[in-house]
Amino acid sequence: MNLFLKTASYIFHPLLMPILGTILYYSVTPRYLDPQLVRVELFSIAIITILIPIVIFFFLKNLRVVETIYLKEVKERKFPLMIQCILLLLIIKMVFDPYEDPELYYFFVGILFSAFSALVMVFFKLKVSLHQMGVAGILMFLVGLSAHFKINLLITISFFLFVNGWVASSRLNNDSHTYPELGVGLLLGALPQLILFNLWL
């Protein structure tokens, strides 16, 4: 059981959530998309949201600014979250267009708001679950896609409801977070996506 719970922390790590949301969008959208363009965008997002943060993490670890990739202490989160906000701004400005790709554009705007909110809380020495924030954002994005394209995503949405509980149980089992930290993480992940529905639904 412990192994099952621990795998959730790895499979649904916050760094993987932006590209997972993008892959889910490309999987369900009824629009025709140039396969070459899709590959380029996925490659760009993988570099900006996964590769660059990992390289920066090892740089920060060598400087003893962070200890683990899970950023267990509140003080460890300041610089990674600042860098994450900058990288998300780069994606919003360089990769997606609000007129051509409104769903993905506002998905990343929502992620940026979530990351910035988590950063603000760091300055008040408050810790939130970044894992919970990431999967909650994906869940709400899927709800929006289902309504937007008028397609049945009930199975996928149900799976991510389960994932939210799985991730929460995993973080509690590892003593990484408390119930309030998980609850705030869920709200910070879901609310920006929900609020931004007005701009693209």
C-alpha atoms as a PDB file:
ATOM      1  CA  MET A   1       0.000   0.000   0.000  1.00  0.00           C
ATOM      2  CA  ASN A   2       2.857   2.379   0.833  1.00  0.00           C
ATOM      3  CA  LEU A   3       4.387   1.748  -2.594  1.00  0.00           C
ATOM      4  CA  PHE A   4       1.043   2.458  -4.279  1.00  0.00           C
ATOM      5  CA  LEU A   5       0.703   5.749  -2.395  1.00  0.00           C
ATOM      6  CA  LYS A   6       4.305   6.793  -3.049  1.00  0.00           C
ATOM      7  CA  THR A   7       3.995   6.278  -6.802  1.00  0.00           C
ATOM      8  CA  ALA A   8       1.375   9.056  -6.942  1.00  0.00           C
ATOM      9  CA  SER A   9       4.016  11.577  -5.841  1.00  0.00           C
ATOM     10  CA  TYR A  10       6.246  10.575  -8.752  1.00  0.00           C
ATOM     11  CA  ILE A  11       3.661  10.056 -11.503  1.00  0.00           C
ATOM     12  CA  PHE A  12       1.818  13.297 -10.736  1.00  0.00           C
ATOM     13  CA  HIS A  13       4.755  15.496  -9.804  1.00  0.00           C
ATOM     14  CA  PRO A  14       3.934  19.218 -10.267  1.00  0.00           C
ATOM     15  CA  LEU A  15       6.587  19.581 -12.989  1.00  0.00           C
ATOM     16  CA  LEU A  16       4.712  17.071 -15.158  1.00  0.00           C
ATOM     17  CA  MET A  17       1.275  18.678 -14.888  1.00  0.00           C
ATOM     18  CA  PRO A  18       1.660  21.365 -17.609  1.00  0.00           C
ATOM     19  CA  ILE A  19       2.694  18.865 -20.273  1.00  0.00           C
ATOM     20  CA  LEU A  20       0.078  16.354 -19.063  1.00  0.00           C
ATOM     21  CA  GLY A  21      -2.655  18.979 -19.475  1.00  0.00           C
ATOM     22  CA  THR A  22      -1.367  19.804 -22.953  1.00  0.00           C
ATOM     23  CA  ILE A  23      -1.307  16.133 -23.983  1.00  0.00           C
ATOM     24  CA  LEU A  24      -4.858  15.673 -22.660  1.00  0.00           C
ATOM     25  CA  TYR A  25      -6.006  18.690 -24.672  1.00  0.00           C
ATOM     26  CA  TYR A  26      -4.462  17.362 -27.883  1.00  0.00           C
ATOM     27  CA  SER A  27      -6.028  13.951 -27.172  1.00  0.00           C
ATOM     28  CA  VAL A  28      -9.607  15.231 -26.828  1.00  0.00           C
ATOM     29  CA  THR A  29      -9.835  18.313 -29.044  1.00  0.00           C
ATOM     30  CA  PRO A  30     -12.054  17.821 -32.121  1.00  0.00           C
ATOM     31  CA  ARG A  31     -10.111  20.498 -34.009  1.00  0.00           C
ATOM     32  CA  TYR A  32      -7.659  19.590 -36.739  1.00  0.00           C
ATOM     33  CA  LEU A  33      -4.105  20.266 -35.602  1.00  0.00           C
ATOM     34  CA  ASP A  34      -0.943  20.045 -37.666  1.00  0.00           C
ATOM     35  CA  PRO A  35       0.950  17.050 -36.169  1.00  0.00           C
ATOM     36  CA  GLN A  36       4.286  18.777 -36.712  1.00  0.00           C
ATOM     37  CA  LEU A  37       3.100  21.868 -34.839  1.00  0.00           C
ATOM     38  CA  VAL A  38       1.828  19.669 -31.995  1.00  0.00           C
ATOM     39  CA  ARG A  39       5.226  17.969 -31.711  1.00  0.00           C
ATOM     40  CA  VAL A  40       7.034  21.310 -31.675  1.00  0.00           C
ATOM     41  CA  GLU A  41       4.743  22.688 -28.960  1.00  0.00           C
ATOM     42  CA  LEU A  42       5.059  19.561 -26.812  1.00  0.00           C
ATOM     43  CA  PHE A  43       8.839  19.627 -27.212  1.00  0.00           C
ATOM     44  CA  SER A  44       8.935  23.312 -26.242  1.00  0.00           C
ATOM     45  CA  ILE A  45       6.787  22.743 -23.166  1.00  0.00           C
ATOM     46  CA  ALA A  46       8.853  19.707 -22.105  1.00  0.00           C
ATOM     47  CA  ILE A  47      12.047  21.768 -22.276  1.00  0.00           C
ATOM     48  CA  ILE A  48      10.621  24.826 -20.500  1.00  0.00           C
ATOM     49  CA  THR A  49       8.584  23.102 -17.779  1.00  0.00           C
ATOM     50  CA  ILE A  50      10.634  19.943 -17.117  1.00  0.00           C
ATOM     51  CA  LEU A  51      14.205  20.091 -18.424  1.00  0.00           C
ATOM     52  CA  ILE A  52      15.053  23.676 -17.441  1.00  0.00           C
ATOM     53  CA  PRO A  53      13.543  23.365 -13.911  1.00  0.00           C
ATOM     54  CA  ILE A  54      15.508  20.126 -13.318  1.00  0.00           C
ATOM     55  CA  VAL A  55      18.762  21.793 -14.393  1.00  0.00           C
ATOM     56  CA  ILE A  56      17.961  24.803 -12.182  1.00  0.00           C
ATOM     57  CA  PHE A  57      17.098  22.463  -9.289  1.00  0.00           C
ATOM     58  CA  PHE A  58      20.569  20.866  -9.376  1.00  0.00           C
ATOM     59  CA  PHE A  59      22.122  24.324  -9.579  1.00  0.00           C
ATOM     60  CA  LEU A  60      20.128  25.448  -6.518  1.00  0.00           C
ATOM     61  CA  LYS A  61      20.951  22.205  -4.724  1.00  0.00           C
ATOM     62  CA  ASN A  62      24.678  22.793  -5.259  1.00  0.00           C
ATOM     63  CA  LEU A  63      24.189  26.259  -3.780  1.00  0.00           C
ATOM     64  CA  ARG A  64      22.350  24.597  -0.830  1.00  0.00           C
ATOM     65  CA  VAL A  65      19.247  26.671  -1.498  1.00  0.00           C
ATOM     66  CA  VAL A  66      17.121  23.499  -1.786  1.00  0.00           C
ATOM     67  CA  GLU A  67      17.598  19.978  -0.449  1.00  0.00           C
ATOM     68  CA  THR A  68      15.115  17.758  -2.312  1.00  0.00           C
ATOM     69  CA  ILE A  69      12.955  18.077  -5.411  1.00  0.00           C
ATOM     70  CA  TYR A  70       9.892  17.943  -3.129  1.00  0.00           C
ATOM     71  CA  LEU A  71      10.787  21.311  -1.525  1.00  0.00           C
ATOM     72  CA  LYS A  72       9.576  20.203   1.906  1.00  0.00           C
ATOM     73  CA  GLU A  73      10.574  23.400   3.706  1.00  0.00           C
ATOM     74  CA  VAL A  74       8.719  26.652   2.964  1.00  0.00           C
ATOM     75  CA  LYS A  75      11.967  28.619   2.545  1.00  0.00           C
ATOM     76  CA  GLU A  76      13.118  26.233  -0.213  1.00  0.00           C
ATOM     77  CA  ARG A  77      10.140  27.130  -2.386  1.00  0.00           C
ATOM     78  CA  LYS A  78      10.834  30.812  -2.988  1.00  0.00           C
ATOM     79  CA  PHE A  79      13.382  30.644  -5.822  1.00  0.00           C
ATOM     80  CA  PRO A  80      11.916  27.579  -7.608  1.00  0.00           C
ATOM     81  CA  LEU A  81       8.458  29.176  -7.661  1.00  0.00           C
ATOM     82  CA  MET A  82       9.870  32.509  -8.879  1.00  0.00           C
ATOM     83  CA  ILE A  83      11.656  30.709 -11.702  1.00  0.00           C
ATOM     84  CA  GLN A  84       8.541  28.668 -12.471  1.00  0.00           C
ATOM     85  CA  CYS A  85       6.496  31.859 -12.843  1.00  0.00           C
ATOM     86  CA  ILE A  86       9.070  33.277 -15.268  1.00  0.00           C
ATOM     87  CA  LEU A  87       9.085  30.057 -17.322  1.00  0.00           C
ATOM     88  CA  LEU A  88       5.277  29.998 -17.456  1.00  0.00           C
ATOM     89  CA  LEU A  89       5.286  33.605 -18.677  1.00  0.00           C
ATOM     90  CA  LEU A  90       7.705  32.517 -21.396  1.00  0.00           C
ATOM     91  CA  ILE A  91       5.278  29.810 -22.553  1.00  0.00           C
ATOM     92  CA  ILE A  92       2.336  32.232 -22.512  1.00  0.00           C
ATOM     93  CA  LYS A  93       4.259  34.781 -24.568  1.00  0.00           C
ATOM     94  CA  MET A  94       6.154  32.506 -26.953  1.00  0.00           C
ATOM     95  CA  VAL A  95       4.300  29.207 -27.419  1.00  0.00           C
ATOM     96  CA  PHE A  96       0.549  29.828 -27.374  1.00  0.00           C
ATOM     97  CA  ASP A  97      -1.646  32.530 -28.868  1.00  0.00           C
ATOM     98  CA  PRO A  98      -4.883  33.603 -27.116  1.00  0.00           C
ATOM     99  CA  TYR A  99      -6.718  33.675 -30.456  1.00  0.00           C
ATOM    100  CA  GLU A 100      -5.371  30.512 -32.056  1.00  0.00           C
ATOM    101  CA  ASP A 101      -5.008  28.356 -28.911  1.00  0.00           C
ATOM    102  CA  PRO A 102      -7.344  29.947 -26.323  1.00  0.00           C
ATOM    103  CA  GLU A 103      -7.839  26.750 -24.318  1.00  0.00           C
ATOM    104  CA  LEU A 104      -4.138  26.068 -23.795  1.00  0.00           C
ATOM    105  CA  TYR A 105      -3.271  29.755 -23.483  1.00  0.00           C
ATOM    106  CA  TYR A 106      -5.675  30.259 -20.582  1.00  0.00           C
ATOM    107  CA  PHE A 107      -4.763  26.873 -19.103  1.00  0.00           C
ATOM    108  CA  PHE A 108      -1.208  28.157 -18.724  1.00  0.00           C
ATOM    109  CA  VAL A 109      -2.426  31.541 -17.473  1.00  0.00           C
ATOM    110  CA  GLY A 110      -4.312  29.596 -14.791  1.00  0.00           C
ATOM    111  CA  ILE A 111      -1.174  27.627 -13.903  1.00  0.00           C
ATOM    112  CA  LEU A 112       0.725  30.924 -13.653  1.00  0.00           C
ATOM    113  CA  PHE A 113      -1.872  32.350 -11.251  1.00  0.00           C
ATOM    114  CA  SER A 114      -1.659  29.166  -9.161  1.00  0.00           C
ATOM    115  CA  ALA A 115       2.154  29.270  -9.035  1.00  0.00           C
ATOM    116  CA  PHE A 116       2.153  32.981  -8.204  1.00  0.00           C
ATOM    117  CA  SER A 117      -0.406  32.418  -5.418  1.00  0.00           C
ATOM    118  CA  ALA A 118       1.797  29.672  -3.957  1.00  0.00           C
ATOM    119  CA  LEU A 119       4.760  32.056  -4.166  1.00  0.00           C
ATOM    120  CA  VAL A 120       2.865  34.796  -2.316  1.00  0.00           C
ATOM    121  CA  MET A 121       2.025  32.312   0.424  1.00  0.00           C
ATOM    122  CA  VAL A 122       5.732  31.491   0.786  1.00  0.00           C
ATOM    123  CA  PHE A 123       6.390  35.113   1.759  1.00  0.00           C
ATOM    124  CA  PHE A 124       3.849  34.654   4.557  1.00  0.00           C
ATOM    125  CA  LYS A 125       5.652  31.408   5.521  1.00  0.00           C
ATOM    126  CA  LEU A 126       2.647  29.336   4.472  1.00  0.00           C
ATOM    127  CA  LYS A 127       3.104  26.023   2.680  1.00  0.00           C
ATOM    128  CA  VAL A 128       0.622  24.548   0.201  1.00  0.00           C
ATOM    129  CA  SER A 129       0.623  21.236  -1.635  1.00  0.00           C
ATOM    130  CA  LEU A 130       2.016  21.815  -5.120  1.00  0.00           C
ATOM    131  CA  HIS A 131       1.098  18.240  -6.030  1.00  0.00           C
ATOM    132  CA  GLN A 132      -2.538  18.835  -5.106  1.00  0.00           C
ATOM    133  CA  MET A 133      -2.488  22.187  -6.872  1.00  0.00           C
ATOM    134  CA  GLY A 134      -1.291  20.575 -10.101  1.00  0.00           C
ATOM    135  CA  VAL A 135      -3.807  17.712 -10.270  1.00  0.00           C
ATOM    136  CA  ALA A 136      -6.694  19.984  -9.223  1.00  0.00           C
ATOM    137  CA  GLY A 137      -5.842  22.329 -12.092  1.00  0.00           C
ATOM    138  CA  ILE A 138      -5.861  19.412 -14.560  1.00  0.00           C
ATOM    139  CA  LEU A 139      -9.228  18.213 -13.240  1.00  0.00           C
ATOM    140  CA  MET A 140     -10.842  21.626 -13.637  1.00  0.00           C
ATOM    141  CA  PHE A 141      -9.311  22.060 -17.106  1.00  0.00           C
ATOM    142  CA  LEU A 142     -10.865  18.747 -18.187  1.00  0.00           C
ATOM    143  CA  VAL A 143     -14.267  19.881 -16.908  1.00  0.00           C
ATOM    144  CA  GLY A 144     -13.891  23.038 -19.007  1.00  0.00           C
ATOM    145  CA  LEU A 145     -12.844  21.087 -22.120  1.00  0.00           C
ATOM    146  CA  SER A 146     -15.840  18.778 -21.735  1.00  0.00           C
ATOM    147  CA  ALA A 147     -18.231  21.747 -21.603  1.00  0.00           C
ATOM    148  CA  HIS A 148     -16.391  23.717 -24.296  1.00  0.00           C
ATOM    149  CA  PHE A 149     -16.266  20.996 -26.930  1.00  0.00           C
ATOM    150  CA  LYS A 150     -19.509  19.317 -25.751  1.00  0.00           C
ATOM    151  CA  ILE A 151     -17.781  15.945 -25.456  1.00  0.00           C
ATOM    152  CA  ASN A 152     -18.216  13.245 -22.839  1.00  0.00           C
ATOM    153  CA  LEU A 153     -15.080  13.119 -20.693  1.00  0.00           C
ATOM    154  CA  LEU A 154     -16.800  11.505 -17.710  1.00  0.00           C
ATOM    155  CA  ILE A 155     -14.348   8.596 -17.477  1.00  0.00           C
ATOM    156  CA  THR A 156     -11.283  10.871 -17.672  1.00  0.00           C
ATOM    157  CA  ILE A 157     -12.784  13.347 -15.191  1.00  0.00           C
ATOM    158  CA  SER A 158     -13.677  10.479 -12.822  1.00  0.00           C
ATOM    159  CA  PHE A 159     -10.122   9.165 -13.085  1.00  0.00           C
ATOM    160  CA  PHE A 160      -8.680  12.558 -12.141  1.00  0.00           C
ATOM    161  CA  LEU A 161     -11.123  12.825  -9.229  1.00  0.00           C
ATOM    162  CA  PHE A 162      -9.595   9.548  -8.046  1.00  0.00           C
ATOM    163  CA  VAL A 163      -6.096  10.950  -8.729  1.00  0.00           C
ATOM    164  CA  ASN A 164      -6.841  13.970  -6.519  1.00  0.00           C
ATOM    165  CA  GLY A 165      -7.654  11.626  -3.645  1.00  0.00           C
ATOM    166  CA  TRP A 166      -4.695   9.372  -4.446  1.00  0.00           C
ATOM    167  CA  VAL A 167      -2.253  12.291  -4.435  1.00  0.00           C
ATOM    168  CA  ALA A 168      -3.740  13.717  -1.223  1.00  0.00           C
ATOM    169  CA  SER A 169      -3.428  10.324   0.488  1.00  0.00           C
ATOM    170  CA  SER A 170       0.139  10.014  -0.777  1.00  0.00           C
ATOM    171  CA  ARG A 171       1.166  13.398   0.611  1.00  0.00           C
ATOM    172  CA  LEU A 172      -0.468  12.638   3.977  1.00  0.00           C
ATOM    173  CA  ASN A 173       1.152   9.190   4.105  1.00  0.00           C
ATOM    174  CA  ASN A 174       4.586  10.753   3.529  1.00  0.00           C
ATOM    175  CA  ASP A 175       3.915  13.369   6.230  1.00  0.00           C
ATOM    176  CA  SER A 176       4.606  15.989   3.563  1.00  0.00           C
ATOM    177  CA  HIS A 177       1.437  18.007   4.156  1.00  0.00           C
ATOM    178  CA  THR A 178      -1.440  18.600   6.511  1.00  0.00           C
ATOM    179  CA  TYR A 179      -5.129  18.605   5.576  1.00  0.00           C
ATOM    180  CA  PRO A 180      -5.271  22.448   5.384  1.00  0.00           C
ATOM    181  CA  GLU A 181      -2.208  22.541   3.104  1.00  0.00           C
ATOM    182  CA  LEU A 182      -3.846  20.012   0.794  1.00  0.00           C
ATOM    183  CA  GLY A 183      -7.150  21.909   0.855  1.00  0.00           C
ATOM    184  CA  VAL A 184      -5.501  25.224   0.012  1.00  0.00           C
ATOM    185  CA  GLY A 185      -3.469  23.530  -2.728  1.00  0.00           C
ATOM    186  CA  LEU A 186      -6.655  22.132  -4.254  1.00  0.00           C
ATOM    187  CA  LEU A 187      -8.309  25.573  -4.212  1.00  0.00           C
ATOM    188  CA  LEU A 188      -5.254  27.339  -5.661  1.00  0.00           C
ATOM    189  CA  GLY A 189      -5.113  24.805  -8.484  1.00  0.00           C
ATOM    190  CA  ALA A 190      -8.814  24.709  -9.333  1.00  0.00           C
ATOM    191  CA  LEU A 191     -10.031  28.286  -8.794  1.00  0.00           C
ATOM    192  CA  PRO A 192      -7.818  30.064 -11.393  1.00  0.00           C
ATOM    193  CA  GLN A 193      -8.904  27.548 -14.042  1.00  0.00           C
ATOM    194  CA  LEU A 194     -12.548  27.981 -13.044  1.00  0.00           C
ATOM    195  CA  ILE A 195     -12.353  31.794 -13.075  1.00  0.00           C
ATOM    196  CA  LEU A 196     -10.675  31.801 -16.501  1.00  0.00           C
ATOM    197  CA  PHE A 197     -13.508  29.722 -18.012  1.00  0.00           C
ATOM    198  CA  ASN A 198     -15.211  33.074 -18.696  1.00  0.00           C
ATOM    199  CA  LEU A 199     -12.468  33.937 -21.195  1.00  0.00           C
ATOM    200  CA  TRP A 200     -12.540  30.813 -23.349  1.00  0.00           C
ATOM    201  CA  LEU A 201     -15.683  28.765 -22.764  1.00  0.00           C
END
